[in-house]
Amino acid sequence: LVIFQFPLQWFGTPAILKGWFERVLI
């Protein structure tokens, strides 16, 4: 199970989480 905990920012994820998706989900 993976829980993503974050505040909605500009109708999306915070930049640091977006970057986690981009770098980790290769």
PDB file of all heavy atoms in Angstrom:
ATOM      1  N   LEU A   1       0.853  -1.196   0.000  1.00  0.00           N
ATOM      2  CA  LEU A   1       0.000   0.000   0.000  1.00  0.00           C
ATOM      3  C   LEU A   1       0.879   1.233   0.000  1.00  0.00           C
ATOM      4  O   LEU A   1       1.861   1.302   0.746  1.00  0.00           O
ATOM      5  CB  LEU A   1      -0.896   0.006   1.245  1.00  0.00           C
ATOM      6  CG  LEU A   1      -1.692   1.284   1.530  1.00  0.00           C
ATOM      7  CD1 LEU A   1      -2.826   1.445   0.515  1.00  0.00           C
ATOM      8  CD2 LEU A   1      -2.267   1.254   2.950  1.00  0.00           C
ATOM      9  N   VAL A   2       0.534   2.214  -0.848  1.00  0.00           N
ATOM     10  CA  VAL A   2       1.264   3.482  -0.855  1.00  0.00           C
ATOM     11  C   VAL A   2       0.271   4.616  -0.617  1.00  0.00           C
ATOM     12  O   VAL A   2      -0.752   4.724  -1.307  1.00  0.00           O
ATOM     13  CB  VAL A   2       2.002   3.716  -2.194  1.00  0.00           C
ATOM     14  CG1 VAL A   2       2.852   4.988  -2.101  1.00  0.00           C
ATOM     15  CG2 VAL A   2       2.879   2.517  -2.542  1.00  0.00           C
ATOM     16  N   ILE A   3       0.564   5.440   0.377  1.00  0.00           N
ATOM     17  CA  ILE A   3      -0.255   6.610   0.692  1.00  0.00           C
ATOM     18  C   ILE A   3       0.539   7.860   0.309  1.00  0.00           C
ATOM     19  O   ILE A   3       1.688   8.021   0.728  1.00  0.00           O
ATOM     20  CB  ILE A   3      -0.604   6.662   2.196  1.00  0.00           C
ATOM     21  CG1 ILE A   3      -1.421   5.432   2.609  1.00  0.00           C
ATOM     22  CG2 ILE A   3      -1.361   7.954   2.532  1.00  0.00           C
ATOM     23  CD1 ILE A   3      -1.609   5.305   4.119  1.00  0.00           C
ATOM     24  N   PHE A   4      -0.066   8.705  -0.492  1.00  0.00           N
ATOM     25  CA  PHE A   4       0.551   9.979  -0.864  1.00  0.00           C
ATOM     26  C   PHE A   4      -0.165  11.079  -0.094  1.00  0.00           C
ATOM     27  O   PHE A   4      -1.354  11.314  -0.302  1.00  0.00           O
ATOM     28  CB  PHE A   4       0.457  10.216  -2.368  1.00  0.00           C
ATOM     29  CG  PHE A   4       1.221   9.206  -3.180  1.00  0.00           C
ATOM     30  CD1 PHE A   4       0.585   8.090  -3.693  1.00  0.00           C
ATOM     31  CD2 PHE A   4       2.581   9.371  -3.405  1.00  0.00           C
ATOM     32  CE1 PHE A   4       1.290   7.140  -4.435  1.00  0.00           C
ATOM     33  CE2 PHE A   4       3.297   8.436  -4.149  1.00  0.00           C
ATOM     34  CZ  PHE A   4       2.654   7.310  -4.660  1.00  0.00           C
ATOM     35  N   GLN A   5       0.540  11.730   0.813  1.00  0.00           N
ATOM     36  CA  GLN A   5      -0.035  12.758   1.674  1.00  0.00           C
ATOM     37  C   GLN A   5       0.511  14.116   1.253  1.00  0.00           C
ATOM     38  O   GLN A   5       1.720  14.372   1.323  1.00  0.00           O
ATOM     39  CB  GLN A   5       0.341  12.475   3.134  1.00  0.00           C
ATOM     40  CG  GLN A   5      -0.206  13.500   4.120  1.00  0.00           C
ATOM     41  CD  GLN A   5      -1.723  13.450   4.206  1.00  0.00           C
ATOM     42  OE1 GLN A   5      -2.301  12.415   4.498  1.00  0.00           O
ATOM     43  NE2 GLN A   5      -2.361  14.591   3.956  1.00  0.00           N
ATOM     44  N   PHE A   6      -0.398  15.012   0.804  1.00  0.00           N
ATOM     45  CA  PHE A   6       0.091  16.297   0.305  1.00  0.00           C
ATOM     46  C   PHE A   6      -1.037  17.329   0.244  1.00  0.00           C
ATOM     47  O   PHE A   6      -2.209  16.981   0.175  1.00  0.00           O
ATOM     48  CB  PHE A   6       0.709  16.136  -1.095  1.00  0.00           C
ATOM     49  CG  PHE A   6      -0.251  15.647  -2.154  1.00  0.00           C
ATOM     50  CD1 PHE A   6      -0.937  16.530  -2.969  1.00  0.00           C
ATOM     51  CD2 PHE A   6      -0.452  14.284  -2.349  1.00  0.00           C
ATOM     52  CE1 PHE A   6      -1.812  16.083  -3.953  1.00  0.00           C
ATOM     53  CE2 PHE A   6      -1.316  13.816  -3.335  1.00  0.00           C
ATOM     54  CZ  PHE A   6      -1.997  14.722  -4.134  1.00  0.00           C
ATOM     55  N   PRO A   7      -0.665  18.614   0.228  1.00  0.00           N
ATOM     56  CA  PRO A   7      -1.643  19.668  -0.010  1.00  0.00           C
ATOM     57  C   PRO A   7      -1.822  19.873  -1.515  1.00  0.00           C
ATOM     58  O   PRO A   7      -0.849  19.834  -2.264  1.00  0.00           O
ATOM     59  CB  PRO A   7      -0.993  20.904   0.627  1.00  0.00           C
ATOM     60  CG  PRO A   7       0.477  20.654   0.478  1.00  0.00           C
ATOM     61  CD  PRO A   7       0.670  19.160   0.554  1.00  0.00           C
ATOM     62  N   LEU A   8      -3.043  20.099  -1.957  1.00  0.00           N
ATOM     63  CA  LEU A   8      -3.286  20.391  -3.365  1.00  0.00           C
ATOM     64  C   LEU A   8      -2.689  21.767  -3.683  1.00  0.00           C
ATOM     65  O   LEU A   8      -2.993  22.749  -3.016  1.00  0.00           O
ATOM     66  CB  LEU A   8      -4.786  20.393  -3.649  1.00  0.00           C
ATOM     67  CG  LEU A   8      -5.192  20.428  -5.123  1.00  0.00           C
ATOM     68  CD1 LEU A   8      -4.876  19.088  -5.801  1.00  0.00           C
ATOM     69  CD2 LEU A   8      -6.688  20.733  -5.261  1.00  0.00           C
ATOM     70  N   GLN A   9      -1.826  21.826  -4.691  1.00  0.00           N
ATOM     71  CA  GLN A   9      -1.195  23.089  -5.075  1.00  0.00           C
ATOM     72  C   GLN A   9      -1.376  23.304  -6.567  1.00  0.00           C
ATOM     73  O   GLN A   9      -0.938  22.478  -7.373  1.00  0.00           O
ATOM     74  CB  GLN A   9       0.291  23.074  -4.689  1.00  0.00           C
ATOM     75  CG  GLN A   9       0.490  23.043  -3.178  1.00  0.00           C
ATOM     76  CD  GLN A   9       1.948  23.068  -2.761  1.00  0.00           C
ATOM     77  OE1 GLN A   9       2.850  22.894  -3.572  1.00  0.00           O
ATOM     78  NE2 GLN A   9       2.193  23.297  -1.481  1.00  0.00           N
ATOM     79  N   TRP A  10      -2.019  24.421  -6.917  1.00  0.00           N
ATOM     80  CA  TRP A  10      -2.283  24.732  -8.320  1.00  0.00           C
ATOM     81  C   TRP A  10      -2.953  23.545  -9.034  1.00  0.00           C
ATOM     82  O   TRP A  10      -2.578  23.168 -10.141  1.00  0.00           O
ATOM     83  CB  TRP A  10      -1.005  25.177  -9.035  1.00  0.00           C
ATOM     84  CG  TRP A  10      -0.463  26.456  -8.479  1.00  0.00           C
ATOM     85  CD1 TRP A  10       0.667  26.626  -7.743  1.00  0.00           C
ATOM     86  CD2 TRP A  10      -1.065  27.756  -8.581  1.00  0.00           C
ATOM     87  NE1 TRP A  10       0.816  27.940  -7.382  1.00  0.00           N
ATOM     88  CE2 TRP A  10      -0.235  28.662  -7.889  1.00  0.00           C
ATOM     89  CE3 TRP A  10      -2.227  28.245  -9.194  1.00  0.00           C
ATOM     90  CZ2 TRP A  10      -0.520  30.021  -7.784  1.00  0.00           C
ATOM     91  CZ3 TRP A  10      -2.512  29.616  -9.086  1.00  0.00           C
ATOM     92  CH2 TRP A  10      -1.657  30.471  -8.395  1.00  0.00           C
ATOM     93  N   PHE A  11      -3.939  22.966  -8.333  1.00  0.00           N
ATOM     94  CA  PHE A  11      -4.745  21.861  -8.882  1.00  0.00           C
ATOM     95  C   PHE A  11      -3.904  20.618  -9.177  1.00  0.00           C
ATOM     96  O   PHE A  11      -4.253  19.804 -10.028  1.00  0.00           O
ATOM     97  CB  PHE A  11      -5.494  22.276 -10.154  1.00  0.00           C
ATOM     98  CG  PHE A  11      -6.663  23.200  -9.911  1.00  0.00           C
ATOM     99  CD1 PHE A  11      -6.814  23.892  -8.723  1.00  0.00           C
ATOM    100  CD2 PHE A  11      -7.628  23.380 -10.883  1.00  0.00           C
ATOM    101  CE1 PHE A  11      -7.883  24.752  -8.496  1.00  0.00           C
ATOM    102  CE2 PHE A  11      -8.713  24.237 -10.682  1.00  0.00           C
ATOM    103  CZ  PHE A  11      -8.830  24.923  -9.486  1.00  0.00           C
ATOM    104  N   GLY A  12      -2.814  20.456  -8.478  1.00  0.00           N
ATOM    105  CA  GLY A  12      -1.975  19.286  -8.693  1.00  0.00           C
ATOM    106  C   GLY A  12      -1.132  18.991  -7.466  1.00  0.00           C
ATOM    107  O   GLY A  12      -1.403  19.480  -6.366  1.00  0.00           O
ATOM    108  N   THR A  13      -0.097  18.194  -7.652  1.00  0.00           N
ATOM    109  CA  THR A  13       0.782  17.844  -6.542  1.00  0.00           C
ATOM    110  C   THR A  13       1.833  18.939  -6.336  1.00  0.00           C
ATOM    111  O   THR A  13       2.173  19.663  -7.276  1.00  0.00           O
ATOM    112  CB  THR A  13       1.517  16.527  -6.831  1.00  0.00           C
ATOM    113  OG1 THR A  13       2.346  16.690  -7.984  1.00  0.00           O
ATOM    114  CG2 THR A  13       0.544  15.383  -7.078  1.00  0.00           C
ATOM    115  N   PRO A  14       2.388  19.052  -5.130  1.00  0.00           N
ATOM    116  CA  PRO A  14       3.541  19.937  -4.940  1.00  0.00           C
ATOM    117  C   PRO A  14       4.681  19.505  -5.869  1.00  0.00           C
ATOM    118  O   PRO A  14       4.810  18.328  -6.216  1.00  0.00           O
ATOM    119  CB  PRO A  14       3.915  19.703  -3.472  1.00  0.00           C
ATOM    120  CG  PRO A  14       2.654  19.207  -2.818  1.00  0.00           C
ATOM    121  CD  PRO A  14       1.974  18.395  -3.874  1.00  0.00           C
ATOM    122  N   ALA A  15       5.510  20.451  -6.257  1.00  0.00           N
ATOM    123  CA  ALA A  15       6.591  20.177  -7.216  1.00  0.00           C
ATOM    124  C   ALA A  15       7.496  19.043  -6.755  1.00  0.00           C
ATOM    125  O   ALA A  15       7.954  18.233  -7.566  1.00  0.00           O
ATOM    126  CB  ALA A  15       7.407  21.445  -7.450  1.00  0.00           C
ATOM    127  N   ILE A  16       7.742  18.964  -5.459  1.00  0.00           N
ATOM    128  CA  ILE A  16       8.657  17.942  -4.946  1.00  0.00           C
ATOM    129  C   ILE A  16       8.087  16.547  -5.147  1.00  0.00           C
ATOM    130  O   ILE A  16       8.817  15.587  -5.427  1.00  0.00           O
ATOM    131  CB  ILE A  16       9.004  18.202  -3.458  1.00  0.00           C
ATOM    132  CG1 ILE A  16      10.282  17.463  -3.072  1.00  0.00           C
ATOM    133  CG2 ILE A  16       7.847  17.852  -2.531  1.00  0.00           C
ATOM    134  CD1 ILE A  16      10.869  17.906  -1.732  1.00  0.00           C
ATOM    135  N   LEU A  17       6.759  16.408  -5.055  1.00  0.00           N
ATOM    136  CA  LEU A  17       6.122  15.111  -5.295  1.00  0.00           C
ATOM    137  C   LEU A  17       6.045  14.814  -6.787  1.00  0.00           C
ATOM    138  O   LEU A  17       6.250  13.673  -7.221  1.00  0.00           O
ATOM    139  CB  LEU A  17       4.728  15.069  -4.667  1.00  0.00           C
ATOM    140  CG  LEU A  17       3.930  13.778  -4.874  1.00  0.00           C
ATOM    141  CD1 LEU A  17       4.719  12.548  -4.406  1.00  0.00           C
ATOM    142  CD2 LEU A  17       2.585  13.855  -4.151  1.00  0.00           C
ATOM    143  N   LYS A  18       5.766  15.831  -7.589  1.00  0.00           N
ATOM    144  CA  LYS A  18       5.770  15.636  -9.047  1.00  0.00           C
ATOM    145  C   LYS A  18       7.144  15.154  -9.499  1.00  0.00           C
ATOM    146  O   LYS A  18       7.262  14.246 -10.341  1.00  0.00           O
ATOM    147  CB  LYS A  18       5.412  16.950  -9.743  1.00  0.00           C
ATOM    148  CG  LYS A  18       5.339  16.874 -11.265  1.00  0.00           C
ATOM    149  CD  LYS A  18       4.243  15.951 -11.757  1.00  0.00           C
ATOM    150  CE  LYS A  18       3.879  16.174 -13.216  1.00  0.00           C
ATOM    151  NZ  LYS A  18       4.998  16.048 -14.159  1.00  0.00           N
ATOM    152  N   GLY A  19       8.177  15.727  -8.906  1.00  0.00           N
ATOM    153  CA  GLY A  19       9.526  15.298  -9.236  1.00  0.00           C
ATOM    154  C   GLY A  19       9.820  13.881  -8.771  1.00  0.00           C
ATOM    155  O   GLY A  19      10.563  13.142  -9.432  1.00  0.00           O
ATOM    156  N   TRP A  20       9.227  13.492  -7.645  1.00  0.00           N
ATOM    157  CA  TRP A  20       9.378  12.103  -7.169  1.00  0.00           C
ATOM    158  C   TRP A  20       8.779  11.144  -8.190  1.00  0.00           C
ATOM    159  O   TRP A  20       9.398  10.131  -8.538  1.00  0.00           O
ATOM    160  CB  TRP A  20       8.694  11.960  -5.810  1.00  0.00           C
ATOM    161  CG  TRP A  20       8.904  10.646  -5.112  1.00  0.00           C
ATOM    162  CD1 TRP A  20       9.875  10.349  -4.191  1.00  0.00           C
ATOM    163  CD2 TRP A  20       8.108   9.451  -5.249  1.00  0.00           C
ATOM    164  NE1 TRP A  20       9.738   9.049  -3.757  1.00  0.00           N
ATOM    165  CE2 TRP A  20       8.664   8.473  -4.390  1.00  0.00           C
ATOM    166  CE3 TRP A  20       6.991   9.112  -6.007  1.00  0.00           C
ATOM    167  CZ2 TRP A  20       8.140   7.183  -4.266  1.00  0.00           C
ATOM    168  CZ3 TRP A  20       6.469   7.829  -5.898  1.00  0.00           C
ATOM    169  CH2 TRP A  20       7.032   6.884  -5.032  1.00  0.00           C
ATOM    170  N   PHE A  21       7.578  11.476  -8.694  1.00  0.00           N
ATOM    171  CA  PHE A  21       6.965  10.644  -9.741  1.00  0.00           C
ATOM    172  C   PHE A  21       7.883  10.558 -10.966  1.00  0.00           C
ATOM    173  O   PHE A  21       8.112   9.483 -11.519  1.00  0.00           O
ATOM    174  CB  PHE A  21       5.613  11.225 -10.168  1.00  0.00           C
ATOM    175  CG  PHE A  21       4.505  11.050  -9.159  1.00  0.00           C
ATOM    176  CD1 PHE A  21       3.576  12.068  -8.949  1.00  0.00           C
ATOM    177  CD2 PHE A  21       4.365   9.886  -8.428  1.00  0.00           C
ATOM    178  CE1 PHE A  21       2.535  11.922  -8.040  1.00  0.00           C
ATOM    179  CE2 PHE A  21       3.331   9.725  -7.510  1.00  0.00           C
ATOM    180  CZ  PHE A  21       2.416  10.746  -7.314  1.00  0.00           C
ATOM    181  N   GLU A  22       8.414  11.707 -11.387  1.00  0.00           N
ATOM    182  CA  GLU A  22       9.189  11.752 -12.625  1.00  0.00           C
ATOM    183  C   GLU A  22      10.506  10.997 -12.505  1.00  0.00           C
ATOM    184  O   GLU A  22      10.957  10.363 -13.470  1.00  0.00           O
ATOM    185  CB  GLU A  22       9.448  13.210 -13.025  1.00  0.00           C
ATOM    186  CG  GLU A  22       8.183  13.930 -13.463  1.00  0.00           C
ATOM    187  CD  GLU A  22       8.424  15.377 -13.864  1.00  0.00           C
ATOM    188  OE1 GLU A  22       9.579  15.845 -13.771  1.00  0.00           O
ATOM    189  OE2 GLU A  22       7.454  16.048 -14.258  1.00  0.00           O
ATOM    190  N   ARG A  23      11.136  11.055 -11.342  1.00  0.00           N
ATOM    191  CA  ARG A  23      12.445  10.419 -11.181  1.00  0.00           C
ATOM    192  C   ARG A  23      12.353   8.957 -10.749  1.00  0.00           C
ATOM    193  O   ARG A  23      13.213   8.144 -11.120  1.00  0.00           O
ATOM    194  CB  ARG A  23      13.287  11.205 -10.172  1.00  0.00           C
ATOM    195  CG  ARG A  23      13.658  12.602 -10.648  1.00  0.00           C
ATOM    196  CD  ARG A  23      14.580  13.290  -9.654  1.00  0.00           C
ATOM    197  NE  ARG A  23      15.905  12.692  -9.656  1.00  0.00           N
ATOM    198  CZ  ARG A  23      16.570  12.385  -8.540  1.00  0.00           C
ATOM    199  NH1 ARG A  23      16.025  12.583  -7.347  1.00  0.00           N
ATOM    200  NH2 ARG A  23      17.773  11.846  -8.611  1.00  0.00           N
ATOM    201  N   VAL A  24      11.343   8.606  -9.982  1.00  0.00           N
ATOM    202  CA  VAL A  24      11.240   7.246  -9.432  1.00  0.00           C
ATOM    203  C   VAL A  24      10.507   6.297 -10.381  1.00  0.00           C
ATOM    204  O   VAL A  24      10.894   5.133 -10.535  1.00  0.00           O
ATOM    205  CB  VAL A  24      10.552   7.273  -8.046  1.00  0.00           C
ATOM    206  CG1 VAL A  24      10.341   5.858  -7.514  1.00  0.00           C
ATOM    207  CG2 VAL A  24      11.376   8.103  -7.062  1.00  0.00           C
ATOM    208  N   LEU A  25       9.460   6.784 -11.032  1.00  0.00           N
ATOM    209  CA  LEU A  25       8.640   5.912 -11.880  1.00  0.00           C
ATOM    210  C   LEU A  25       9.233   5.801 -13.284  1.00  0.00           C
ATOM    211  O   LEU A  25       8.652   6.209 -14.284  1.00  0.00           O
ATOM    212  CB  LEU A  25       7.193   6.442 -11.933  1.00  0.00           C
ATOM    213  CG  LEU A  25       6.486   6.549 -10.581  1.00  0.00           C
ATOM    214  CD1 LEU A  25       5.065   7.048 -10.758  1.00  0.00           C
ATOM    215  CD2 LEU A  25       6.500   5.221  -9.829  1.00  0.00           C
ATOM    216  N   ILE A  26      10.400   5.214 -13.330  1.00  0.00           N
ATOM    217  CA  ILE A  26      11.165   5.061 -14.577  1.00  0.00           C
ATOM    218  C   ILE A  26      10.529   3.972 -15.450  1.00  0.00           C
ATOM    219  O   ILE A  26       9.993   2.986 -14.953  1.00  0.00           O
ATOM    220  CB  ILE A  26      12.620   4.654 -14.222  1.00  0.00           C
ATOM    221  CG1 ILE A  26      13.311   5.757 -13.420  1.00  0.00           C
ATOM    222  CG2 ILE A  26      13.417   4.293 -15.470  1.00  0.00           C
ATOM    223  CD1 ILE A  26      13.646   6.990 -14.174  1.00  0.00           C
TER     224      ILE A  26
END
